[in-house]
Amino acid sequence: MEFDEAQLEGFRTKPKTQFHARQFDELTKKRSEAETLAAEDPTFAELAADELAGIDDQRSALFADMV
C-alpha cells in the first residue's frame, strides 16, 4: 500500500500525531531492512514475506489512526 508522503509529513509536525508518525517511520525502516534481507538471502524470503505482511498491517493501522 502506498501512503501520501505529503500527508505523512503533516502528521510528523502535528503534536497530536507525532508519536504515531515516528512509529510509522520505524516500521518503514524495518520493512526496508526485511526487503533487503529477502533479496540478499533467498532462504529468508518466506520469513521476510511474513514479516512484511505484519509490518504492512501495522503501518496501515497507524496511518488510519492518524487520519
PDB file of N, CA and C in Angstrom:
ATOM      1  N   MET A   1       0.845  -1.183   0.000  1.00  0.00           N
ATOM      2  CA  MET A   1       0.000   0.000   0.000  1.00  0.00           C
ATOM      3  C   MET A   1       0.886   1.241   0.000  1.00  0.00           C
ATOM      4  N   GLU A   2       0.508   2.189  -0.806  1.00  0.00           N
ATOM      5  CA  GLU A   2       1.239   3.449  -0.868  1.00  0.00           C
ATOM      6  C   GLU A   2       0.588   4.468   0.060  1.00  0.00           C
ATOM      7  N   PHE A   3       1.409   5.287   0.679  1.00  0.00           N
ATOM      8  CA  PHE A   3       0.927   6.315   1.589  1.00  0.00           C
ATOM      9  C   PHE A   3       1.357   7.668   1.060  1.00  0.00           C
ATOM     10  N   ASP A   4       0.506   8.655   1.246  1.00  0.00           N
ATOM     11  CA  ASP A   4       0.761  10.006   0.770  1.00  0.00           C
ATOM     12  C   ASP A   4       1.855  10.649   1.625  1.00  0.00           C
ATOM     13  N   GLU A   5       3.018  10.856   1.009  1.00  0.00           N
ATOM     14  CA  GLU A   5       4.174  11.392   1.736  1.00  0.00           C
ATOM     15  C   GLU A   5       3.897  12.801   2.270  1.00  0.00           C
ATOM     16  N   ALA A   6       3.168  13.612   1.518  1.00  0.00           N
ATOM     17  CA  ALA A   6       2.849  14.970   1.982  1.00  0.00           C
ATOM     18  C   ALA A   6       1.974  14.906   3.236  1.00  0.00           C
ATOM     19  N   GLN A   7       1.044  13.984   3.238  1.00  0.00           N
ATOM     20  CA  GLN A   7       0.174  13.822   4.404  1.00  0.00           C
ATOM     21  C   GLN A   7       0.981  13.309   5.594  1.00  0.00           C
ATOM     22  N   LEU A   8       1.881  12.373   5.333  1.00  0.00           N
ATOM     23  CA  LEU A   8       2.735  11.865   6.412  1.00  0.00           C
ATOM     24  C   LEU A   8       3.604  12.971   6.995  1.00  0.00           C
ATOM     25  N   GLU A   9       4.112  13.841   6.139  1.00  0.00           N
ATOM     26  CA  GLU A   9       4.934  14.956   6.622  1.00  0.00           C
ATOM     27  C   GLU A   9       4.118  15.850   7.551  1.00  0.00           C
ATOM     28  N   GLY A  10       2.865  16.069   7.202  1.00  0.00           N
ATOM     29  CA  GLY A  10       1.988  16.839   8.081  1.00  0.00           C
ATOM     30  C   GLY A  10       1.789  16.154   9.421  1.00  0.00           C
ATOM     31  N   PHE A  11       1.638  14.824   9.407  1.00  0.00           N
ATOM     32  CA  PHE A  11       1.486  14.069  10.651  1.00  0.00           C
ATOM     33  C   PHE A  11       2.736  14.173  11.522  1.00  0.00           C
ATOM     34  N   ARG A  12       3.893  14.238  10.881  1.00  0.00           N
ATOM     35  CA  ARG A  12       5.158  14.331  11.631  1.00  0.00           C
ATOM     36  C   ARG A  12       5.287  15.658  12.372  1.00  0.00           C
ATOM     37  N   THR A  13       4.619  16.686  11.901  1.00  0.00           N
ATOM     38  CA  THR A  13       4.765  18.014  12.506  1.00  0.00           C
ATOM     39  C   THR A  13       3.668  18.345  13.511  1.00  0.00           C
ATOM     40  N   LYS A  14       2.570  17.600  13.486  1.00  0.00           N
ATOM     41  CA  LYS A  14       1.467  17.874  14.413  1.00  0.00           C
ATOM     42  C   LYS A  14       1.699  17.122  15.721  1.00  0.00           C
ATOM     43  N   PRO A  15       1.647  17.838  16.848  1.00  0.00           N
ATOM     44  CA  PRO A  15       1.867  17.175  18.143  1.00  0.00           C
ATOM     45  C   PRO A  15       0.925  15.995  18.378  1.00  0.00           C
ATOM     46  N   LYS A  16      -0.295  16.074  17.884  1.00  0.00           N
ATOM     47  CA  LYS A  16      -1.286  15.027  18.117  1.00  0.00           C
ATOM     48  C   LYS A  16      -0.931  13.716  17.407  1.00  0.00           C
ATOM     49  N   THR A  17      -0.185  13.802  16.302  1.00  0.00           N
ATOM     50  CA  THR A  17       0.117  12.610  15.507  1.00  0.00           C
ATOM     51  C   THR A  17       1.610  12.278  15.440  1.00  0.00           C
ATOM     52  N   GLN A  18       2.449  13.063  16.098  1.00  0.00           N
ATOM     53  CA  GLN A  18       3.901  12.839  16.013  1.00  0.00           C
ATOM     54  C   GLN A  18       4.303  11.447  16.486  1.00  0.00           C
ATOM     55  N   PHE A  19       3.729  10.979  17.569  1.00  0.00           N
ATOM     56  CA  PHE A  19       4.108   9.668  18.104  1.00  0.00           C
ATOM     57  C   PHE A  19       3.815   8.572  17.086  1.00  0.00           C
ATOM     58  N   HIS A  20       2.600   8.571  16.534  1.00  0.00           N
ATOM     59  CA  HIS A  20       2.247   7.560  15.536  1.00  0.00           C
ATOM     60  C   HIS A  20       3.106   7.699  14.284  1.00  0.00           C
ATOM     61  N   ALA A  21       3.425   8.922  13.915  1.00  0.00           N
ATOM     62  CA  ALA A  21       4.255   9.139  12.726  1.00  0.00           C
ATOM     63  C   ALA A  21       5.652   8.556  12.940  1.00  0.00           C
ATOM     64  N   ARG A  22       6.198   8.717  14.133  1.00  0.00           N
ATOM     65  CA  ARG A  22       7.514   8.131  14.426  1.00  0.00           C
ATOM     66  C   ARG A  22       7.445   6.606  14.370  1.00  0.00           C
ATOM     67  N   GLN A  23       6.370   6.039  14.913  1.00  0.00           N
ATOM     68  CA  GLN A  23       6.205   4.590  14.850  1.00  0.00           C
ATOM     69  C   GLN A  23       6.088   4.132  13.399  1.00  0.00           C
ATOM     70  N   PHE A  24       5.353   4.875  12.599  1.00  0.00           N
ATOM     71  CA  PHE A  24       5.194   4.566  11.180  1.00  0.00           C
ATOM     72  C   PHE A  24       6.555   4.578  10.493  1.00  0.00           C
ATOM     73  N   ASP A  25       7.365   5.595  10.781  1.00  0.00           N
ATOM     74  CA  ASP A  25       8.694   5.703  10.174  1.00  0.00           C
ATOM     75  C   ASP A  25       9.599   4.541  10.585  1.00  0.00           C
ATOM     76  N   GLU A  26       9.521   4.125  11.842  1.00  0.00           N
ATOM     77  CA  GLU A  26      10.314   2.985  12.302  1.00  0.00           C
ATOM     78  C   GLU A  26       9.887   1.701  11.586  1.00  0.00           C
ATOM     79  N   LEU A  27       8.598   1.527  11.414  1.00  0.00           N
ATOM     80  CA  LEU A  27       8.114   0.355  10.688  1.00  0.00           C
ATOM     81  C   LEU A  27       8.536   0.393   9.222  1.00  0.00           C
ATOM     82  N   THR A  28       8.569   1.581   8.647  1.00  0.00           N
ATOM     83  CA  THR A  28       9.024   1.724   7.268  1.00  0.00           C
ATOM     84  C   THR A  28      10.488   1.304   7.152  1.00  0.00           C
ATOM     85  N   LYS A  29      11.278   1.683   8.135  1.00  0.00           N
ATOM     86  CA  LYS A  29      12.686   1.297   8.156  1.00  0.00           C
ATOM     87  C   LYS A  29      12.829  -0.231   8.283  1.00  0.00           C
ATOM     88  N   LYS A  30      12.043  -0.822   9.188  1.00  0.00           N
ATOM     89  CA  LYS A  30      12.079  -2.275   9.360  1.00  0.00           C
ATOM     90  C   LYS A  30      11.645  -2.987   8.080  1.00  0.00           C
ATOM     91  N   ARG A  31      10.665  -2.412   7.394  1.00  0.00           N
ATOM     92  CA  ARG A  31      10.181  -3.010   6.140  1.00  0.00           C
ATOM     93  C   ARG A  31      11.293  -3.017   5.097  1.00  0.00           C
ATOM     94  N   SER A  32      12.005  -1.913   5.013  1.00  0.00           N
ATOM     95  CA  SER A  32      13.107  -1.812   4.061  1.00  0.00           C
ATOM     96  C   SER A  32      14.200  -2.834   4.384  1.00  0.00           C
ATOM     97  N   GLU A  33      14.504  -2.997   5.658  1.00  0.00           N
ATOM     98  CA  GLU A  33      15.515  -3.966   6.069  1.00  0.00           C
ATOM     99  C   GLU A  33      15.081  -5.399   5.727  1.00  0.00           C
ATOM    100  N   ALA A  34      13.803  -5.700   5.942  1.00  0.00           N
ATOM    101  CA  ALA A  34      13.294  -7.039   5.624  1.00  0.00           C
ATOM    102  C   ALA A  34      13.332  -7.300   4.119  1.00  0.00           C
ATOM    103  N   GLU A  35      13.005  -6.285   3.324  1.00  0.00           N
ATOM    104  CA  GLU A  35      13.075  -6.430   1.868  1.00  0.00           C
ATOM    105  C   GLU A  35      14.503  -6.682   1.413  1.00  0.00           C
ATOM    106  N   THR A  36      15.446  -5.967   1.994  1.00  0.00           N
ATOM    107  CA  THR A  36      16.854  -6.127   1.651  1.00  0.00           C
ATOM    108  C   THR A  36      17.333  -7.526   2.023  1.00  0.00           C
ATOM    109  N   LEU A  37      16.974  -7.973   3.208  1.00  0.00           N
ATOM    110  CA  LEU A  37      17.369  -9.307   3.660  1.00  0.00           C
ATOM    111  C   LEU A  37      16.819 -10.386   2.732  1.00  0.00           C
ATOM    112  N   ALA A  38      15.559 -10.252   2.350  1.00  0.00           N
ATOM    113  CA  ALA A  38      14.943 -11.238   1.456  1.00  0.00           C
ATOM    114  C   ALA A  38      15.624 -11.252   0.099  1.00  0.00           C
ATOM    115  N   ALA A  39      16.022 -10.085  -0.387  1.00  0.00           N
ATOM    116  CA  ALA A  39      16.676 -10.003  -1.691  1.00  0.00           C
ATOM    117  C   ALA A  39      18.096 -10.577  -1.645  1.00  0.00           C
ATOM    118  N   GLU A  40      18.769 -10.384  -0.525  1.00  0.00           N
ATOM    119  CA  GLU A  40      20.151 -10.846  -0.407  1.00  0.00           C
ATOM    120  C   GLU A  40      20.260 -12.333  -0.101  1.00  0.00           C
ATOM    121  N   ASP A  41      19.288 -12.873   0.626  1.00  0.00           N
ATOM    122  CA  ASP A  41      19.366 -14.271   1.044  1.00  0.00           C
ATOM    123  C   ASP A  41      18.010 -14.949   0.837  1.00  0.00           C
ATOM    124  N   PRO A  42      17.871 -15.701  -0.233  1.00  0.00           N
ATOM    125  CA  PRO A  42      16.585 -16.337  -0.548  1.00  0.00           C
ATOM    126  C   PRO A  42      16.056 -17.260   0.553  1.00  0.00           C
ATOM    127  N   THR A  43      16.942 -17.757   1.413  1.00  0.00           N
ATOM    128  CA  THR A  43      16.470 -18.634   2.490  1.00  0.00           C
ATOM    129  C   THR A  43      15.608 -17.868   3.489  1.00  0.00           C
ATOM    130  N   PHE A  44      15.745 -16.559   3.528  1.00  0.00           N
ATOM    131  CA  PHE A  44      14.951 -15.736   4.430  1.00  0.00           C
ATOM    132  C   PHE A  44      13.713 -15.148   3.745  1.00  0.00           C
ATOM    133  N   ALA A  45      13.519 -15.443   2.486  1.00  0.00           N
ATOM    134  CA  ALA A  45      12.430 -14.829   1.721  1.00  0.00           C
ATOM    135  C   ALA A  45      11.057 -15.124   2.325  1.00  0.00           C
ATOM    136  N   GLU A  46      10.809 -16.369   2.708  1.00  0.00           N
ATOM    137  CA  GLU A  46       9.499 -16.718   3.275  1.00  0.00           C
ATOM    138  C   GLU A  46       9.291 -16.041   4.623  1.00  0.00           C
ATOM    139  N   LEU A  47      10.309 -16.071   5.456  1.00  0.00           N
ATOM    140  CA  LEU A  47      10.221 -15.396   6.755  1.00  0.00           C
ATOM    141  C   LEU A  47      10.004 -13.896   6.564  1.00  0.00           C
ATOM    142  N   ALA A  48      10.731 -13.323   5.637  1.00  0.00           N
ATOM    143  CA  ALA A  48      10.596 -11.893   5.370  1.00  0.00           C
ATOM    144  C   ALA A  48       9.207 -11.564   4.841  1.00  0.00           C
ATOM    145  N   ALA A  49       8.634 -12.444   4.033  1.00  0.00           N
ATOM    146  CA  ALA A  49       7.287 -12.202   3.499  1.00  0.00           C
ATOM    147  C   ALA A  49       6.270 -12.119   4.633  1.00  0.00           C
ATOM    148  N   ASP A  50       6.397 -13.000   5.613  1.00  0.00           N
ATOM    149  CA  ASP A  50       5.503 -12.957   6.773  1.00  0.00           C
ATOM    150  C   ASP A  50       5.697 -11.665   7.562  1.00  0.00           C
ATOM    151  N   GLU A  51       6.951 -11.293   7.741  1.00  0.00           N
ATOM    152  CA  GLU A  51       7.253 -10.065   8.478  1.00  0.00           C
ATOM    153  C   GLU A  51       6.730  -8.841   7.728  1.00  0.00           C
ATOM    154  N   LEU A  52       6.903  -8.835   6.410  1.00  0.00           N
ATOM    155  CA  LEU A  52       6.417  -7.707   5.612  1.00  0.00           C
ATOM    156  C   LEU A  52       4.908  -7.570   5.713  1.00  0.00           C
ATOM    157  N   ALA A  53       4.197  -8.678   5.710  1.00  0.00           N
ATOM    158  CA  ALA A  53       2.735  -8.634   5.829  1.00  0.00           C
ATOM    159  C   ALA A  53       2.325  -8.028   7.174  1.00  0.00           C
ATOM    160  N   GLY A  54       2.999  -8.430   8.226  1.00  0.00           N
ATOM    161  CA  GLY A  54       2.708  -7.883   9.552  1.00  0.00           C
ATOM    162  C   GLY A  54       3.026  -6.404   9.648  1.00  0.00           C
ATOM    163  N   ILE A  55       4.152  -6.015   9.086  1.00  0.00           N
ATOM    164  CA  ILE A  55       4.551  -4.607   9.096  1.00  0.00           C
ATOM    165  C   ILE A  55       3.546  -3.776   8.300  1.00  0.00           C
ATOM    166  N   ASP A  56       3.126  -4.288   7.148  1.00  0.00           N
ATOM    167  CA  ASP A  56       2.150  -3.556   6.337  1.00  0.00           C
ATOM    168  C   ASP A  56       0.834  -3.363   7.082  1.00  0.00           C
ATOM    169  N   ASP A  57       0.402  -4.380   7.806  1.00  0.00           N
ATOM    170  CA  ASP A  57      -0.826  -4.268   8.602  1.00  0.00           C
ATOM    171  C   ASP A  57      -0.675  -3.190   9.680  1.00  0.00           C
ATOM    172  N   GLN A  58       0.466  -3.190  10.344  1.00  0.00           N
ATOM    173  CA  GLN A  58       0.712  -2.203  11.398  1.00  0.00           C
ATOM    174  C   GLN A  58       0.780  -0.786  10.832  1.00  0.00           C
ATOM    175  N   ARG A  59       1.452  -0.647   9.692  1.00  0.00           N
ATOM    176  CA  ARG A  59       1.545   0.683   9.070  1.00  0.00           C
ATOM    177  C   ARG A  59       0.171   1.185   8.652  1.00  0.00           C
ATOM    178  N   SER A  60      -0.642   0.313   8.089  1.00  0.00           N
ATOM    179  CA  SER A  60      -1.990   0.707   7.679  1.00  0.00           C
ATOM    180  C   SER A  60      -2.824   1.147   8.880  1.00  0.00           C
ATOM    181  N   ALA A  61      -2.708   0.415   9.981  1.00  0.00           N
ATOM    182  CA  ALA A  61      -3.455   0.770  11.190  1.00  0.00           C
ATOM    183  C   ALA A  61      -2.988   2.117  11.746  1.00  0.00           C
ATOM    184  N   LEU A  62      -1.688   2.343  11.759  1.00  0.00           N
ATOM    185  CA  LEU A  62      -1.165   3.625  12.244  1.00  0.00           C
ATOM    186  C   LEU A  62      -1.625   4.774  11.363  1.00  0.00           C
ATOM    187  N   PHE A  63      -1.574   4.575  10.059  1.00  0.00           N
ATOM    188  CA  PHE A  63      -2.000   5.625   9.128  1.00  0.00           C
ATOM    189  C   PHE A  63      -3.475   5.944   9.362  1.00  0.00           C
ATOM    190  N   ALA A  64      -4.286   4.912   9.521  1.00  0.00           N
ATOM    191  CA  ALA A  64      -5.711   5.125   9.756  1.00  0.00           C
ATOM    192  C   ALA A  64      -5.943   5.883  11.064  1.00  0.00           C
ATOM    193  N   ASP A  65      -5.141   5.605  12.088  1.00  0.00           N
ATOM    194  CA  ASP A  65      -5.260   6.327  13.360  1.00  0.00           C
ATOM    195  C   ASP A  65      -4.908   7.804  13.216  1.00  0.00           C
ATOM    196  N   MET A  66      -3.976   8.098  12.331  1.00  0.00           N
ATOM    197  CA  MET A  66      -3.538   9.493  12.168  1.00  0.00           C
ATOM    198  C   MET A  66      -4.510  10.313  11.334  1.00  0.00           C
ATOM    199  N   VAL A  67      -5.236   9.665  10.451  1.00  0.00           N
ATOM    200  CA  VAL A  67      -6.143  10.399   9.560  1.00  0.00           C
ATOM    201  C   VAL A  67      -7.309  10.914  10.300  1.00  0.00           C
TER     202      VAL A  67
END
